[in-house]
C-alpha atoms as a PDB file:
ATOM      1  CA  MET A   1      78.383 166.737 196.954  1.00  0.00           C
ATOM      2  CA  SER A   2      75.133 167.694 196.758  1.00  0.00           C
ATOM      3  CA  ALA A   3      72.743 167.961 193.944  1.00  0.00           C
ATOM      4  CA  GLU A   4      69.895 170.117 193.638  1.00  0.00           C
ATOM      5  CA  ILE A   5      66.413 169.339 193.117  1.00  0.00           C
ATOM      6  CA  THR A   6      64.279 172.091 194.194  1.00  0.00           C
ATOM      7  CA  THR A   7      64.995 175.516 195.270  1.00  0.00           C
ATOM      8  CA  ASN A   8      62.554 178.487 196.794  1.00  0.00           C
ATOM      9  CA  ARG A   9      63.482 181.707 195.449  1.00  0.00           C
ATOM     10  CA  LYS A  10      60.806 183.996 197.127  1.00  0.00           C
ATOM     11  CA  ALA A  11      62.126 182.817 200.029  1.00  0.00           C
ATOM     12  CA  LEU A  12      65.055 184.593 199.804  1.00  0.00           C
ATOM     13  CA  ARG A  13      63.238 187.505 197.601  1.00  0.00           C
ATOM     14  CA  ASP A  14      61.347 188.133 200.964  1.00  0.00           C
ATOM     15  CA  TYR A  15      63.055 187.290 203.604  1.00  0.00           C
ATOM     16  CA  HIS A  16      66.055 188.355 205.075  1.00  0.00           C
ATOM     17  CA  ILE A  17      67.860 185.328 205.828  1.00  0.00           C
ATOM     18  CA  LEU A  18      69.688 185.176 209.682  1.00  0.00           C
ATOM     19  CA  GLU A  19      70.888 182.091 209.703  1.00  0.00           C
ATOM     20  CA  ARG A  20      70.334 178.281 207.548  1.00  0.00           C
ATOM     21  CA  PHE A  21      69.749 174.802 208.546  1.00  0.00           C
ATOM     22  CA  GLU A  22      70.047 171.680 207.633  1.00  0.00           C
ATOM     23  CA  ALA A  23      67.272 168.522 207.916  1.00  0.00           C
ATOM     24  CA  GLY A  24      66.306 165.184 206.877  1.00  0.00           C
ATOM     25  CA  VAL A  25      62.379 165.200 205.534  1.00  0.00           C
ATOM     26  CA  GLU A  26      60.322 161.995 206.919  1.00  0.00           C
ATOM     27  CA  LEU A  27      58.788 161.070 203.831  1.00  0.00           C
ATOM     28  CA  LYS A  28      56.934 158.148 202.400  1.00  0.00           C
ATOM     29  CA  GLY A  29      58.332 155.685 198.968  1.00  0.00           C
ATOM     30  CA  THR A  30      55.789 157.272 197.021  1.00  0.00           C
ATOM     31  CA  GLU A  31      56.513 160.747 197.996  1.00  0.00           C
ATOM     32  CA  VAL A  32      60.383 159.886 196.929  1.00  0.00           C
ATOM     33  CA  LYS A  33      59.422 158.547 194.144  1.00  0.00           C
ATOM     34  CA  SER A  34      57.874 162.430 193.284  1.00  0.00           C
ATOM     35  CA  ILE A  35      60.522 164.274 194.516  1.00  0.00           C
ATOM     36  CA  ARG A  36      62.896 161.733 192.135  1.00  0.00           C
ATOM     37  CA  ALA A  37      61.110 162.468 188.514  1.00  0.00           C
ATOM     38  CA  GLY A  38      60.922 166.098 189.883  1.00  0.00           C
ATOM     39  CA  LEU A  39      57.451 166.371 191.373  1.00  0.00           C
ATOM     40  CA  VAL A  40      57.777 169.018 194.348  1.00  0.00           C
ATOM     41  CA  SER A  41      58.103 172.672 194.414  1.00  0.00           C
ATOM     42  CA  LEU A  42      58.574 174.844 197.935  1.00  0.00           C
ATOM     43  CA  GLN A  43      56.936 177.962 197.045  1.00  0.00           C
ATOM     44  CA  GLY A  44      55.649 178.788 199.803  1.00  0.00           C
ATOM     45  CA  ALA A  45      56.716 176.331 202.555  1.00  0.00           C
ATOM     46  CA  PHE A  46      57.538 177.045 205.729  1.00  0.00           C
ATOM     47  CA  ALA A  47      58.535 175.128 209.089  1.00  0.00           C
ATOM     48  CA  ARG A  48      56.921 175.582 212.789  1.00  0.00           C
ATOM     49  CA  VAL A  49      56.890 173.738 215.555  1.00  0.00           C
ATOM     50  CA  HIS A  50      53.567 170.837 215.743  1.00  0.00           C
ATOM     51  CA  GLY A  51      54.119 168.351 219.261  1.00  0.00           C
ATOM     52  CA  GLY A  52      57.634 169.230 220.034  1.00  0.00           C
ATOM     53  CA  ASP A  53      59.023 168.909 217.006  1.00  0.00           C
ATOM     54  CA  PHE A  54      59.437 170.497 213.496  1.00  0.00           C
ATOM     55  CA  CYS A  55      56.797 169.631 210.764  1.00  0.00           C
ATOM     56  CA  LEU A  56      57.831 171.684 207.324  1.00  0.00           C
ATOM     57  CA  TYR A  57      54.012 173.362 205.900  1.00  0.00           C
ATOM     58  CA  ASP A  58      52.996 174.015 202.731  1.00  0.00           C
ATOM     59  CA  ALA A  59      55.897 171.571 200.952  1.00  0.00           C
ATOM     60  CA  SER A  60      53.712 170.301 197.075  1.00  0.00           C
ATOM     61  CA  ILE A  61      55.414 167.062 196.414  1.00  0.00           C
ATOM     62  CA  GLN A  62      52.761 165.514 193.922  1.00  0.00           C
ATOM     63  CA  PRO A  63      51.265 162.279 194.364  1.00  0.00           C
ATOM     64  CA  TYR A  64      53.996 159.919 192.122  1.00  0.00           C
ATOM     65  CA  GLU A  65      51.551 158.071 188.926  1.00  0.00           C
ATOM     66  CA  ARG A  66      52.469 154.642 188.684  1.00  0.00           C
ATOM     67  CA  ALA A  67      51.462 154.474 192.315  1.00  0.00           C
ATOM     68  CA  SER A  68      49.723 150.692 193.623  1.00  0.00           C
ATOM     69  CA  HIS A  69      46.813 150.574 195.807  1.00  0.00           C
ATOM     70  CA  GLU A  70      48.441 154.098 198.193  1.00  0.00           C
ATOM     71  CA  GLN A  71      48.461 157.536 197.650  1.00  0.00           C
ATOM     72  CA  HIS A  72      50.211 160.072 199.374  1.00  0.00           C
ATOM     73  CA  GLU A  73      48.882 164.000 199.434  1.00  0.00           C
ATOM     74  CA  ALA A  74      50.833 166.661 198.294  1.00  0.00           C
ATOM     75  CA  LYS A  75      50.768 169.157 200.578  1.00  0.00           C
ATOM     76  CA  ARG A  76      50.291 166.849 203.598  1.00  0.00           C
ATOM     77  CA  VAL A  77      52.422 168.045 206.916  1.00  0.00           C
ATOM     78  CA  ARG A  78      56.294 166.142 206.700  1.00  0.00           C
ATOM     79  CA  LYS A  79      58.122 165.650 209.592  1.00  0.00           C
ATOM     80  CA  LEU A  80      61.108 167.531 209.576  1.00  0.00           C
ATOM     81  CA  LEU A  81      64.642 165.344 211.317  1.00  0.00           C
ATOM     82  CA  LEU A  82      66.526 168.303 214.118  1.00  0.00           C
ATOM     83  CA  HIS A  83      68.739 167.845 216.904  1.00  0.00           C
ATOM     84  CA  ARG A  84      67.406 168.562 219.764  1.00  0.00           C
ATOM     85  CA  ALA A  85      69.636 171.764 220.371  1.00  0.00           C
ATOM     86  CA  GLU A  86      68.379 172.846 216.989  1.00  0.00           C
ATOM     87  CA  ILE A  87      64.645 172.462 218.131  1.00  0.00           C
ATOM     88  CA  ASP A  88      65.207 174.419 221.609  1.00  0.00           C
ATOM     89  CA  ARG A  89      67.415 177.582 219.884  1.00  0.00           C
ATOM     90  CA  LEU A  90      64.957 177.786 216.691  1.00  0.00           C
ATOM     91  CA  VAL A  91      61.960 177.584 218.856  1.00  0.00           C
ATOM     92  CA  GLY A  92      63.099 180.365 221.753  1.00  0.00           C
ATOM     93  CA  GLU A  93      64.065 182.614 218.251  1.00  0.00           C
ATOM     94  CA  ILE A  94      60.534 182.756 216.631  1.00  0.00           C
ATOM     95  CA  GLU A  95      59.234 183.130 219.821  1.00  0.00           C
ATOM     96  CA  ARG A  96      60.949 185.724 221.391  1.00  0.00           C
ATOM     97  CA  SER A  97      62.651 188.222 218.228  1.00  0.00           C
ATOM     98  CA  GLY A  98      59.406 187.144 216.529  1.00  0.00           C
ATOM     99  CA  ARG A  99      61.432 185.391 212.858  1.00  0.00           C
ATOM    100  CA  THR A 100      60.345 182.746 210.855  1.00  0.00           C
ATOM    101  CA  VAL A 101      61.588 179.511 209.406  1.00  0.00           C
ATOM    102  CA  VAL A 102      61.173 179.398 205.564  1.00  0.00           C
ATOM    103  CA  ALA A 103      62.020 176.422 203.815  1.00  0.00           C
ATOM    104  CA  LEU A 104      65.106 177.796 201.230  1.00  0.00           C
ATOM    105  CA  ARG A 105      66.153 174.861 199.353  1.00  0.00           C
ATOM    106  CA  MET A 106      66.016 170.736 199.139  1.00  0.00           C
ATOM    107  CA  TYR A 107      68.565 168.758 198.295  1.00  0.00           C
ATOM    108  CA  TRP A 108      69.384 165.389 198.037  1.00  0.00           C
ATOM    109  CA  LYS A 109      72.799 164.232 200.498  1.00  0.00           C
ATOM    110  CA  LYS A 110      74.394 160.710 200.550  1.00  0.00           C
ATOM    111  CA  GLY A 111      71.038 159.377 198.494  1.00  0.00           C
ATOM    112  CA  ASN A 112      68.757 161.291 201.521  1.00  0.00           C
ATOM    113  CA  VAL A 113      66.780 163.843 200.638  1.00  0.00           C
ATOM    114  CA  LYS A 114      67.252 166.561 202.775  1.00  0.00           C
ATOM    115  CA  VAL A 115      66.238 170.518 203.361  1.00  0.00           C
ATOM    116  CA  GLU A 116      68.236 173.300 203.800  1.00  0.00           C
ATOM    117  CA  LEU A 117      65.792 176.001 206.152  1.00  0.00           C
ATOM    118  CA  GLY A 118      65.984 179.419 206.442  1.00  0.00           C
ATOM    119  CA  LEU A 119      66.070 181.158 209.800  1.00  0.00           C
ATOM    120  CA  GLY A 120      64.330 184.536 208.291  1.00  0.00           C
ATOM    121  CA  LYS A 121      62.888 187.827 209.114  1.00  0.00           C
ATOM    122  CA  GLY A 122      60.696 189.312 206.806  1.00  0.00           C
ATOM    123  CA  LYS A 123      62.125 192.641 204.295  1.00  0.00           C
ATOM    124  CA  ASP A 124      59.543 195.175 203.565  1.00  0.00           C
ATOM    125  CA  ALA A 125      58.659 196.851 199.679  1.00  0.00           C
ATOM    126  CA  GLY A 126      61.502 199.494 200.499  1.00  0.00           C
ATOM    127  CA  ASP A 127      64.080 196.719 201.184  1.00  0.00           C
ATOM    128  CA  LYS A 128      63.032 194.778 198.024  1.00  0.00           C
ATOM    129  CA  ARG A 129      63.411 198.584 195.902  1.00  0.00           C
ATOM    130  CA  SER A 130      67.152 198.666 197.003  1.00  0.00           C
ATOM    131  CA  ASP A 131      67.770 194.761 196.891  1.00  0.00           C
ATOM    132  CA  LEU A 132      67.009 195.263 193.496  1.00  0.00           C
ATOM    133  CA  LYS A 133      68.598 198.277 192.807  1.00  0.00           C
ATOM    134  CA  LYS A 134      71.742 196.878 194.659  1.00  0.00           C
ATOM    135  CA  ARG A 135      71.603 194.322 191.863  1.00  0.00           C
ATOM    136  CA  VAL A 136      70.783 196.117 188.684  1.00  0.00           C
ATOM    137  CA  ALA A 137      73.712 198.569 189.403  1.00  0.00           C
ATOM    138  CA  ASP A 138      75.991 194.966 189.373  1.00  0.00           C
ATOM    139  CA  ARG A 139      74.907 193.589 186.430  1.00  0.00           C
ATOM    140  CA  GLU A 140      75.709 197.271 184.878  1.00  0.00           C
ATOM    141  CA  MET A 141      79.485 197.132 186.403  1.00  0.00           C
ATOM    142  CA  ASP A 142      79.661 193.220 185.434  1.00  0.00           C
ATOM    143  CA  ARG A 143      78.747 194.636 182.468  1.00  0.00           C
ATOM    144  CA  ALA A 144      80.727 196.784 181.992  1.00  0.00           C
ATOM    145  CA  VAL A 145      83.600 195.306 183.190  1.00  0.00           C
ATOM    146  CA  ALA A 146      83.789 192.536 180.490  1.00  0.00           C
ATOM    147  CA  ASP A 147      83.371 195.596 177.852  1.00  0.00           C
ATOM    148  CA  PHE A 148      86.763 197.318 179.188  1.00  0.00           C
ATOM    149  CA  GLN A 149      88.534 193.101 178.897  1.00  0.00           C
ATOM    150  CA  ARG A 150      86.615 193.203 175.298  1.00  0.00           C
ATOM    151  CA  ARG A 151      88.219 196.786 174.190  1.00  0.00           C
ATOM    152  CA  ARG A 152      91.833 195.794 175.696  1.00  0.00           C
END
């Protein structure tokens, strides 16, 4: 069972997620303490190839207040731990078809911090409007069904 730390809801709004991957994150001790305290945000976080490895950019982990002499930067580049075959496949997909890799959520798994990455294709304004219309229609349908069930 995994415990949710944070999600990037904006990524699901702005991208069509085609595939999802799980990756470990290389963290410092003060970063883990900050994550446990809930001082993390994935707003605008994405992954990119850097020196043959995938790295996580723009994930904000705020400094831990009670750290001693060594402190981490809030938005430093963090290495992602993926298998070589996954890295090669993602690099090919990004270069060939212009896709992007966004961070969707961060969670605990067996005491380790994991990041769920999504291979995404950007949505345009029309796609976002159609998603909103579909969500409103689903909500109205659920309300009608609940009202019908209540009356029975």
